Amino acid sequence: MDSHDAPETRHDAAALSERSDQSAFAELMRSVVPGLTDRQIEQLMTYRDMLHARNQVVNLTAVRDFEGIERRLVLESLRLLDRVRVLAASDAPRIMDLGSGGGIPGVVLAIAMPEATFTLLDATGKKVAFLQDCIDEIGLPHARAVHGRAEELAHQLEWRGAFDVVTARAVTSLSALLELGLPFVRINGWLALPKGPEIDDELKIAAKAASKLGGTITEASFLPHVGSLVDTRLVLVRKESPTPGHFPRRAGLPARAPLGSEHDRPDKRVRRGKSKRS
């Protein structure tokens, strides 16, 4: 072969490989959400690549390989889509991803739900910077990345009771997630919390916590498998009455002293007069 043809041949091979990757990726994603557009497939691929690259320098997720990101993170997020859409049924739903970290499930759902506005909240600056880079690079004008702690923002009127649905994949107890998440949810809104399979003990404690926070756990069912080989239970919590104004307690207490547990204790530094919305 003429050496002058080699660069073009390599370029053609790379282009073919890229098209093959995109085709396989699209087939995998549409096996869960058949209605994804070509543009959404491109956005999901860009997000996959950004998460893989940034995770080499910033600890965004323990899942570090392309296949794991596709199947354990992106597919896992997409299989929440139908449920979240039903829960958020309104003309202009507002959704928060609490402790968004690397953007799971928030960025994936924002790509798949352009009809909703998304707030991606995290307390770590480097993670928020990554989320903002994703918003800018992928093109998600209906999403915003916010740097802050739930224990503080939930006591501000702008945030309290402001969302139709709050999702959270954060690694903490159900009780803590309820205390941090329910104050952000409007009356008749929802918490949607994907958790692992062994959560029966957590559910008992969380049910007690929910009664103190104005919510009721309505479901904790297994989601159907989507090729990720991960068992996931989706815990749904309906907000039925206003969350008392002294919740959430100050930073650290929801995790260290979960509501409904034997370690439950009040916050001695209760905020007063700041949280009047539900």
C-alpha atoms as a PDB file:
ATOM      1  CA  MET A   1       0.000   0.000   0.000  1.00  0.00           C
ATOM      2  CA  ASP A   2       1.230   3.475  -0.889  1.00  0.00           C
ATOM      3  CA  SER A   3       2.428   5.227   2.273  1.00  0.00           C
ATOM      4  CA  HIS A   4       0.593   8.391   1.174  1.00  0.00           C
ATOM      5  CA  ASP A   5      -2.719   6.548   1.635  1.00  0.00           C
ATOM      6  CA  ALA A   6      -2.026   5.512   5.240  1.00  0.00           C
ATOM      7  CA  PRO A   7      -3.278   8.666   7.053  1.00  0.00           C
ATOM      8  CA  GLU A   8      -6.535   8.635   5.082  1.00  0.00           C
ATOM      9  CA  THR A   9      -6.977   4.940   5.787  1.00  0.00           C
ATOM     10  CA  ARG A  10      -6.439   5.497   9.511  1.00  0.00           C
ATOM     11  CA  HIS A  11      -8.923   8.385   9.428  1.00  0.00           C
ATOM     12  CA  ASP A  12     -11.512   6.210   7.692  1.00  0.00           C
ATOM     13  CA  ALA A  13     -10.979   3.434  10.217  1.00  0.00           C
ATOM     14  CA  ALA A  14     -11.401   5.855  13.129  1.00  0.00           C
ATOM     15  CA  ALA A  15     -14.566   7.296  11.596  1.00  0.00           C
ATOM     16  CA  LEU A  16     -15.963   3.794  11.078  1.00  0.00           C
ATOM     17  CA  SER A  17     -15.144   2.869  14.669  1.00  0.00           C
ATOM     18  CA  GLU A  18     -16.863   6.024  15.922  1.00  0.00           C
ATOM     19  CA  ARG A  19     -19.998   5.303  13.870  1.00  0.00           C
ATOM     20  CA  SER A  20     -20.014   1.731  15.169  1.00  0.00           C
ATOM     21  CA  ASP A  21     -19.691   2.958  18.756  1.00  0.00           C
ATOM     22  CA  GLN A  22     -22.530   5.441  18.283  1.00  0.00           C
ATOM     23  CA  SER A  23     -24.745   2.802  16.681  1.00  0.00           C
ATOM     24  CA  ALA A  24     -24.169   0.325  19.513  1.00  0.00           C
ATOM     25  CA  PHE A  25     -24.662   3.052  22.119  1.00  0.00           C
ATOM     26  CA  ALA A  26     -27.909   4.201  20.493  1.00  0.00           C
ATOM     27  CA  GLU A  27     -29.230   0.643  20.376  1.00  0.00           C
ATOM     28  CA  LEU A  28     -28.434   0.163  24.061  1.00  0.00           C
ATOM     29  CA  MET A  29     -30.057   3.426  25.164  1.00  0.00           C
ATOM     30  CA  ARG A  30     -33.163   2.920  23.019  1.00  0.00           C
ATOM     31  CA  SER A  31     -33.640  -0.537  24.480  1.00  0.00           C
ATOM     32  CA  VAL A  32     -34.753   1.360  27.595  1.00  0.00           C
ATOM     33  CA  VAL A  33     -36.154   4.587  26.078  1.00  0.00           C
ATOM     34  CA  PRO A  34     -37.153   3.895  22.454  1.00  0.00           C
ATOM     35  CA  GLY A  35     -38.147   7.500  21.802  1.00  0.00           C
ATOM     36  CA  LEU A  36     -34.723   9.076  22.296  1.00  0.00           C
ATOM     37  CA  THR A  37     -33.838  11.363  19.403  1.00  0.00           C
ATOM     38  CA  ASP A  38     -30.520  11.317  17.564  1.00  0.00           C
ATOM     39  CA  ARG A  39     -29.670  14.604  19.286  1.00  0.00           C
ATOM     40  CA  GLN A  40     -30.326  13.075  22.714  1.00  0.00           C
ATOM     41  CA  ILE A  41     -28.160  10.068  21.836  1.00  0.00           C
ATOM     42  CA  GLU A  42     -25.338  12.460  20.918  1.00  0.00           C
ATOM     43  CA  GLN A  43     -25.810  14.344  24.184  1.00  0.00           C
ATOM     44  CA  LEU A  44     -25.729  11.134  26.219  1.00  0.00           C
ATOM     45  CA  MET A  45     -22.527  10.034  24.448  1.00  0.00           C
ATOM     46  CA  THR A  46     -20.925  13.400  25.126  1.00  0.00           C
ATOM     47  CA  TYR A  47     -21.897  13.109  28.781  1.00  0.00           C
ATOM     48  CA  ARG A  48     -20.494   9.575  28.958  1.00  0.00           C
ATOM     49  CA  ASP A  49     -17.183  10.756  27.511  1.00  0.00           C
ATOM     50  CA  MET A  50     -17.015  13.813  29.791  1.00  0.00           C
ATOM     51  CA  LEU A  51     -17.745  11.756  32.897  1.00  0.00           C
ATOM     52  CA  HIS A  52     -15.098   9.186  31.949  1.00  0.00           C
ATOM     53  CA  ALA A  53     -12.457  11.844  31.266  1.00  0.00           C
ATOM     54  CA  ARG A  54     -13.106  14.054  34.301  1.00  0.00           C
ATOM     55  CA  ASN A  55     -13.301  11.042  36.608  1.00  0.00           C
ATOM     56  CA  GLN A  56      -9.587  10.465  35.954  1.00  0.00           C
ATOM     57  CA  VAL A  57      -8.746  13.670  37.831  1.00  0.00           C
ATOM     58  CA  VAL A  58     -11.785  14.280  40.079  1.00  0.00           C
ATOM     59  CA  ASN A  59     -13.476  11.506  42.062  1.00  0.00           C
ATOM     60  CA  LEU A  60     -16.986  11.734  40.626  1.00  0.00           C
ATOM     61  CA  THR A  61     -17.944   8.063  40.688  1.00  0.00           C
ATOM     62  CA  ALA A  62     -16.447   4.701  41.584  1.00  0.00           C
ATOM     63  CA  VAL A  63     -17.524   3.424  38.154  1.00  0.00           C
ATOM     64  CA  ARG A  64     -14.586   4.241  35.889  1.00  0.00           C
ATOM     65  CA  ASP A  65     -14.874   2.195  32.661  1.00  0.00           C
ATOM     66  CA  PHE A  66     -16.977   3.066  29.620  1.00  0.00           C
ATOM     67  CA  GLU A  67     -19.183  -0.027  29.841  1.00  0.00           C
ATOM     68  CA  GLY A  68     -19.839   0.549  33.534  1.00  0.00           C
ATOM     69  CA  ILE A  69     -20.744   4.191  32.908  1.00  0.00           C
ATOM     70  CA  GLU A  70     -23.112   3.203  30.109  1.00  0.00           C
ATOM     71  CA  ARG A  71     -24.830   0.321  31.863  1.00  0.00           C
ATOM     72  CA  ARG A  72     -24.597   1.033  35.594  1.00  0.00           C
ATOM     73  CA  LEU A  73     -25.008   4.807  35.453  1.00  0.00           C
ATOM     74  CA  VAL A  74     -26.666   6.028  32.246  1.00  0.00           C
ATOM     75  CA  LEU A  75     -29.049   3.086  31.763  1.00  0.00           C
ATOM     76  CA  GLU A  76     -29.864   3.051  35.488  1.00  0.00           C
ATOM     77  CA  SER A  77     -30.821   6.720  35.220  1.00  0.00           C
ATOM     78  CA  LEU A  78     -32.878   6.238  32.064  1.00  0.00           C
ATOM     79  CA  ARG A  79     -34.985   3.537  33.634  1.00  0.00           C
ATOM     80  CA  LEU A  80     -36.219   6.143  36.129  1.00  0.00           C
ATOM     81  CA  LEU A  81     -37.517   8.301  33.289  1.00  0.00           C
ATOM     82  CA  ASP A  82     -41.057   6.963  32.922  1.00  0.00           C
ATOM     83  CA  ARG A  83     -41.689   7.062  36.674  1.00  0.00           C
ATOM     84  CA  VAL A  84     -40.282  10.565  37.095  1.00  0.00           C
ATOM     85  CA  ARG A  85     -42.350  11.848  34.164  1.00  0.00           C
ATOM     86  CA  VAL A  86     -45.535  10.531  35.762  1.00  0.00           C
ATOM     87  CA  LEU A  87     -44.634  11.954  39.176  1.00  0.00           C
ATOM     88  CA  ALA A  88     -43.729  15.349  37.719  1.00  0.00           C
ATOM     89  CA  ALA A  89     -46.860  15.639  35.588  1.00  0.00           C
ATOM     90  CA  SER A  90     -47.400  19.352  35.033  1.00  0.00           C
ATOM     91  CA  ASP A  91     -46.986  21.898  32.251  1.00  0.00           C
ATOM     92  CA  ALA A  92     -43.519  22.968  33.424  1.00  0.00           C
ATOM     93  CA  PRO A  93     -42.204  20.513  36.002  1.00  0.00           C
ATOM     94  CA  ARG A  94     -39.389  21.530  38.333  1.00  0.00           C
ATOM     95  CA  ILE A  95     -36.996  18.757  39.335  1.00  0.00           C
ATOM     96  CA  MET A  96     -34.041  18.759  41.718  1.00  0.00           C
ATOM     97  CA  ASP A  97     -31.234  16.204  41.797  1.00  0.00           C
ATOM     98  CA  LEU A  98     -29.997  16.303  45.381  1.00  0.00           C
ATOM     99  CA  GLY A  99     -26.293  15.547  45.873  1.00  0.00           C
ATOM    100  CA  SER A 100     -25.938  15.283  42.105  1.00  0.00           C
ATOM    101  CA  GLY A 101     -22.178  14.608  42.177  1.00  0.00           C
ATOM    102  CA  GLY A 102     -21.262  13.385  38.706  1.00  0.00           C
ATOM    103  CA  GLY A 103     -24.778  14.068  37.408  1.00  0.00           C
ATOM    104  CA  ILE A 104     -26.469  10.723  38.052  1.00  0.00           C
ATOM    105  CA  PRO A 105     -29.392  10.692  37.514  1.00  0.00           C
ATOM    106  CA  GLY A 106     -29.808  14.461  37.075  1.00  0.00           C
ATOM    107  CA  VAL A 107     -27.853  15.119  33.862  1.00  0.00           C
ATOM    108  CA  VAL A 108     -29.227  12.011  32.148  1.00  0.00           C
ATOM    109  CA  LEU A 109     -32.815  12.902  33.052  1.00  0.00           C
ATOM    110  CA  ALA A 110     -32.254  16.512  31.959  1.00  0.00           C
ATOM    111  CA  ILE A 111     -31.144  15.253  28.542  1.00  0.00           C
ATOM    112  CA  ALA A 112     -34.210  13.016  28.267  1.00  0.00           C
ATOM    113  CA  MET A 113     -36.704  15.594  29.670  1.00  0.00           C
ATOM    114  CA  PRO A 114     -36.253  18.927  27.884  1.00  0.00           C
ATOM    115  CA  GLU A 115     -39.779  19.842  28.994  1.00  0.00           C
ATOM    116  CA  ALA A 116     -38.661  20.137  32.650  1.00  0.00           C
ATOM    117  CA  THR A 117     -36.307  22.490  34.476  1.00  0.00           C
ATOM    118  CA  PHE A 118     -33.554  20.833  36.493  1.00  0.00           C
ATOM    119  CA  THR A 119     -31.537  21.974  39.485  1.00  0.00           C
ATOM    120  CA  LEU A 120     -28.385  19.921  40.123  1.00  0.00           C
ATOM    121  CA  LEU A 121     -27.369  20.554  43.726  1.00  0.00           C
ATOM    122  CA  ASP A 122     -24.071  19.519  45.276  1.00  0.00           C
ATOM    123  CA  ALA A 123     -21.965  20.675  48.213  1.00  0.00           C
ATOM    124  CA  THR A 124     -18.587  20.004  46.525  1.00  0.00           C
ATOM    125  CA  GLY A 125     -17.246  22.784  44.319  1.00  0.00           C
ATOM    126  CA  LYS A 126     -15.308  20.534  41.906  1.00  0.00           C
ATOM    127  CA  LYS A 127     -18.405  18.446  41.248  1.00  0.00           C
ATOM    128  CA  VAL A 128     -20.535  21.527  40.650  1.00  0.00           C
ATOM    129  CA  ALA A 129     -17.888  22.812  38.200  1.00  0.00           C
ATOM    130  CA  PHE A 130     -18.146  19.515  36.297  1.00  0.00           C
ATOM    131  CA  LEU A 131     -21.947  19.712  36.257  1.00  0.00           C
ATOM    132  CA  GLN A 132     -21.773  23.246  34.841  1.00  0.00           C
ATOM    133  CA  ASP A 133     -19.289  22.106  32.184  1.00  0.00           C
ATOM    134  CA  CYS A 134     -21.769  19.372  31.196  1.00  0.00           C
ATOM    135  CA  ILE A 135     -24.622  21.875  30.976  1.00  0.00           C
ATOM    136  CA  ASP A 136     -22.544  24.166  28.770  1.00  0.00           C
ATOM    137  CA  GLU A 137     -20.945  21.511  26.549  1.00  0.00           C
ATOM    138  CA  ILE A 138     -24.003  19.310  26.065  1.00  0.00           C
ATOM    139  CA  GLY A 139     -26.409  22.204  25.700  1.00  0.00           C
ATOM    140  CA  LEU A 140     -28.939  22.044  28.533  1.00  0.00           C
ATOM    141  CA  PRO A 141     -30.384  25.548  28.916  1.00  0.00           C
ATOM    142  CA  HIS A 142     -33.147  24.203  31.154  1.00  0.00           C
ATOM    143  CA  ALA A 143     -30.665  22.954  33.777  1.00  0.00           C
ATOM    144  CA  ARG A 144     -28.559  24.765  36.366  1.00  0.00           C
ATOM    145  CA  ALA A 145     -25.783  23.600  38.686  1.00  0.00           C
ATOM    146  CA  VAL A 146     -25.925  24.953  42.235  1.00  0.00           C
ATOM    147  CA  HIS A 147     -23.187  24.863  44.879  1.00  0.00           C
ATOM    148  CA  GLY A 148     -24.651  24.573  48.364  1.00  0.00           C
ATOM    149  CA  ARG A 149     -25.714  22.381  51.259  1.00  0.00           C
ATOM    150  CA  ALA A 150     -29.268  21.082  51.457  1.00  0.00           C
ATOM    151  CA  GLU A 151     -29.289  21.727  55.215  1.00  0.00           C
ATOM    152  CA  GLU A 152     -28.917  25.442  54.508  1.00  0.00           C
ATOM    153  CA  LEU A 153     -30.757  26.013  51.220  1.00  0.00           C
ATOM    154  CA  ALA A 154     -33.859  24.158  52.409  1.00  0.00           C
ATOM    155  CA  HIS A 155     -34.412  26.907  55.010  1.00  0.00           C
ATOM    156  CA  GLN A 156     -34.540  29.644  52.348  1.00  0.00           C
ATOM    157  CA  LEU A 157     -37.960  30.632  50.984  1.00  0.00           C
ATOM    158  CA  GLU A 158     -36.739  30.532  47.376  1.00  0.00           C
ATOM    159  CA  TRP A 159     -36.032  26.822  47.700  1.00  0.00           C
ATOM    160  CA  ARG A 160     -38.488  25.463  50.220  1.00  0.00           C
ATOM    161  CA  GLY A 161     -41.439  23.617  48.708  1.00  0.00           C
ATOM    162  CA  ALA A 162     -40.313  24.664  45.232  1.00  0.00           C
ATOM    163  CA  PHE A 163     -39.995  21.342  43.359  1.00  0.00           C
ATOM    164  CA  ASP A 164     -42.397  18.791  41.906  1.00  0.00           C
ATOM    165  CA  VAL A 165     -39.894  15.943  42.206  1.00  0.00           C
ATOM    166  CA  VAL A 166     -36.592  15.562  44.039  1.00  0.00           C
ATOM    167  CA  THR A 167     -34.293  12.688  43.090  1.00  0.00           C
ATOM    168  CA  ALA A 168     -31.234  11.571  45.037  1.00  0.00           C
ATOM    169  CA  ARG A 169     -28.731   8.811  44.455  1.00  0.00           C
ATOM    170  CA  ALA A 170     -26.523   9.945  47.338  1.00  0.00           C
ATOM    171  CA  VAL A 171     -24.963   7.236  49.483  1.00  0.00           C
ATOM    172  CA  THR A 172     -26.658   7.840  52.825  1.00  0.00           C
ATOM    173  CA  SER A 173     -29.594   6.411  54.745  1.00  0.00           C
ATOM    174  CA  LEU A 174     -33.172   6.713  53.548  1.00  0.00           C
ATOM    175  CA  SER A 175     -34.035   8.633  56.699  1.00  0.00           C
ATOM    176  CA  ALA A 176     -31.338  11.211  55.957  1.00  0.00           C
ATOM    177  CA  LEU A 177     -32.480  11.522  52.332  1.00  0.00           C
ATOM    178  CA  LEU A 178     -36.051  12.146  53.466  1.00  0.00           C
ATOM    179  CA  GLU A 179     -34.958  14.841  55.927  1.00  0.00           C
ATOM    180  CA  LEU A 180     -32.772  16.560  53.330  1.00  0.00           C
ATOM    181  CA  GLY A 181     -35.137  16.144  50.385  1.00  0.00           C
ATOM    182  CA  LEU A 182     -38.730  16.587  51.577  1.00  0.00           C
ATOM    183  CA  PRO A 183     -38.349  20.255  52.592  1.00  0.00           C
ATOM    184  CA  PHE A 184     -37.641  21.055  48.904  1.00  0.00           C
ATOM    185  CA  VAL A 185     -40.780  19.242  47.689  1.00  0.00           C
ATOM    186  CA  ARG A 186     -44.106  20.983  47.169  1.00  0.00           C
ATOM    187  CA  ILE A 187     -47.293  19.610  48.727  1.00  0.00           C
ATOM    188  CA  ASN A 188     -48.384  16.563  46.691  1.00  0.00           C
ATOM    189  CA  GLY A 189     -44.902  16.383  45.160  1.00  0.00           C
ATOM    190  CA  TRP A 190     -42.531  13.442  45.374  1.00  0.00           C
ATOM    191  CA  LEU A 191     -39.160  12.142  46.425  1.00  0.00           C
ATOM    192  CA  ALA A 192     -37.845   9.456  44.035  1.00  0.00           C
ATOM    193  CA  LEU A 193     -34.936   7.573  45.594  1.00  0.00           C
ATOM    194  CA  PRO A 194     -33.177   4.681  43.823  1.00  0.00           C
ATOM    195  CA  LYS A 195     -31.628   2.375  46.419  1.00  0.00           C
ATOM    196  CA  GLY A 196     -30.115  -1.096  46.633  1.00  0.00           C
ATOM    197  CA  PRO A 197     -32.124  -4.249  47.352  1.00  0.00           C
ATOM    198  CA  GLU A 198     -31.355  -4.725  51.071  1.00  0.00           C
ATOM    199  CA  ILE A 199     -33.198  -1.780  52.589  1.00  0.00           C
ATOM    200  CA  ASP A 200     -35.956  -3.344  54.729  1.00  0.00           C
ATOM    201  CA  ASP A 201     -34.418  -2.111  57.999  1.00  0.00           C
ATOM    202  CA  GLU A 202     -33.853   1.332  56.482  1.00  0.00           C
ATOM    203  CA  LEU A 203     -37.473   1.441  55.367  1.00  0.00           C
ATOM    204  CA  LYS A 204     -38.758   0.872  58.897  1.00  0.00           C
ATOM    205  CA  ILE A 205     -36.740   3.808  60.224  1.00  0.00           C
ATOM    206  CA  ALA A 206     -37.548   5.956  57.189  1.00  0.00           C
ATOM    207  CA  ALA A 207     -41.293   5.383  57.659  1.00  0.00           C
ATOM    208  CA  LYS A 208     -41.020   6.954  61.120  1.00  0.00           C
ATOM    209  CA  ALA A 209     -38.969   9.809  59.706  1.00  0.00           C
ATOM    210  CA  ALA A 210     -41.519  10.418  56.948  1.00  0.00           C
ATOM    211  CA  SER A 211     -44.324  10.902  59.477  1.00  0.00           C
ATOM    212  CA  LYS A 212     -42.306  13.660  61.168  1.00  0.00           C
ATOM    213  CA  LEU A 213     -41.513  15.366  57.854  1.00  0.00           C
ATOM    214  CA  GLY A 214     -44.963  15.496  56.265  1.00  0.00           C
ATOM    215  CA  GLY A 215     -44.469  12.566  53.908  1.00  0.00           C
ATOM    216  CA  THR A 216     -45.559   8.974  53.358  1.00  0.00           C
ATOM    217  CA  ILE A 217     -43.559   6.183  51.742  1.00  0.00           C
ATOM    218  CA  THR A 218     -45.891   4.780  49.107  1.00  0.00           C
ATOM    219  CA  GLU A 219     -43.660   2.321  47.288  1.00  0.00           C
ATOM    220  CA  ALA A 220     -40.295   0.559  47.420  1.00  0.00           C
ATOM    221  CA  SER A 221     -40.534  -1.791  44.453  1.00  0.00           C
ATOM    222  CA  PHE A 222     -37.834  -3.370  42.321  1.00  0.00           C
ATOM    223  CA  LEU A 223     -37.254  -1.770  38.956  1.00  0.00           C
ATOM    224  CA  PRO A 224     -37.091  -4.057  35.896  1.00  0.00           C
ATOM    225  CA  HIS A 225     -33.628  -5.041  34.717  1.00  0.00           C
ATOM    226  CA  VAL A 226     -32.241  -3.043  31.800  1.00  0.00           C
ATOM    227  CA  GLY A 227     -28.962  -4.815  31.157  1.00  0.00           C
ATOM    228  CA  SER A 228     -27.060  -3.252  34.056  1.00  0.00           C
ATOM    229  CA  LEU A 229     -27.157  -6.400  36.242  1.00  0.00           C
ATOM    230  CA  VAL A 230     -27.923  -4.201  39.249  1.00  0.00           C
ATOM    231  CA  ASP A 231     -30.914  -4.721  41.534  1.00  0.00           C
ATOM    232  CA  THR A 232     -32.525  -1.370  42.263  1.00  0.00           C
ATOM    233  CA  ARG A 233     -35.536  -0.513  44.390  1.00  0.00           C
ATOM    234  CA  LEU A 234     -37.234   2.805  43.772  1.00  0.00           C
ATOM    235  CA  VAL A 235     -38.486   4.360  46.989  1.00  0.00           C
ATOM    236  CA  LEU A 236     -41.278   6.857  46.387  1.00  0.00           C
ATOM    237  CA  VAL A 237     -42.275   9.346  49.081  1.00  0.00           C
ATOM    238  CA  ARG A 238     -45.317  11.599  48.706  1.00  0.00           C
ATOM    239  CA  LYS A 239     -45.302  15.017  50.402  1.00  0.00           C
ATOM    240  CA  GLU A 240     -48.723  15.331  52.059  1.00  0.00           C
ATOM    241  CA  SER A 241     -48.317  18.167  54.548  1.00  0.00           C
ATOM    242  CA  PRO A 242     -45.801  20.940  55.268  1.00  0.00           C
ATOM    243  CA  THR A 243     -42.438  19.878  56.647  1.00  0.00           C
ATOM    244  CA  PRO A 244     -41.952  21.477  60.092  1.00  0.00           C
ATOM    245  CA  GLY A 245     -39.720  24.537  59.811  1.00  0.00           C
ATOM    246  CA  HIS A 246     -36.909  23.180  61.992  1.00  0.00           C
ATOM    247  CA  PHE A 247     -36.126  20.453  59.422  1.00  0.00           C
ATOM    248  CA  PRO A 248     -33.641  19.727  58.040  1.00  0.00           C
ATOM    249  CA  ARG A 249     -31.398  19.882  61.078  1.00  0.00           C
ATOM    250  CA  ARG A 250     -27.927  21.390  60.800  1.00  0.00           C
ATOM    251  CA  ALA A 251     -25.236  19.803  58.626  1.00  0.00           C
ATOM    252  CA  GLY A 252     -24.201  16.341  59.765  1.00  0.00           C
ATOM    253  CA  LEU A 253     -27.154  15.542  62.024  1.00  0.00           C
ATOM    254  CA  PRO A 254     -29.413  13.904  59.393  1.00  0.00           C
ATOM    255  CA  ALA A 255     -26.689  11.325  58.685  1.00  0.00           C
ATOM    256  CA  ARG A 256     -25.283  10.942  62.226  1.00  0.00           C
ATOM    257  CA  ALA A 257     -28.615  10.905  64.067  1.00  0.00           C
ATOM    258  CA  PRO A 258     -31.232   9.665  61.574  1.00  0.00           C
ATOM    259  CA  LEU A 259     -34.827  10.583  62.307  1.00  0.00           C
ATOM    260  CA  GLY A 260     -36.789   7.561  63.514  1.00  0.00           C
ATOM    261  CA  SER A 261     -33.690   5.724  64.746  1.00  0.00           C
ATOM    262  CA  GLU A 262     -32.475   5.160  68.287  1.00  0.00           C
ATOM    263  CA  HIS A 263     -29.897   7.886  67.653  1.00  0.00           C
ATOM    264  CA  ASP A 264     -32.532  10.487  66.727  1.00  0.00           C
ATOM    265  CA  ARG A 265     -32.033  13.766  68.562  1.00  0.00           C
ATOM    266  CA  PRO A 266     -33.218  17.348  68.123  1.00  0.00           C
ATOM    267  CA  ASP A 267     -31.097  20.141  66.753  1.00  0.00           C
ATOM    268  CA  LYS A 268     -30.261  22.432  69.658  1.00  0.00           C
ATOM    269  CA  ARG A 269     -29.536  25.269  67.240  1.00  0.00           C
ATOM    270  CA  VAL A 270     -33.016  25.408  65.735  1.00  0.00           C
ATOM    271  CA  ARG A 271     -33.597  28.066  63.084  1.00  0.00           C
ATOM    272  CA  ARG A 272     -36.681  30.133  63.738  1.00  0.00           C
ATOM    273  CA  GLY A 273     -38.774  32.236  61.398  1.00  0.00           C
ATOM    274  CA  LYS A 274     -36.935  31.440  58.172  1.00  0.00           C
ATOM    275  CA  SER A 275     -38.921  28.582  56.673  1.00  0.00           C
ATOM    276  CA  LYS A 276     -42.576  29.497  56.171  1.00  0.00           C
ATOM    277  CA  ARG A 277     -43.255  27.623  52.942  1.00  0.00           C
ATOM    278  CA  SER A 278     -44.048  23.937  52.820  1.00  0.00           C
END
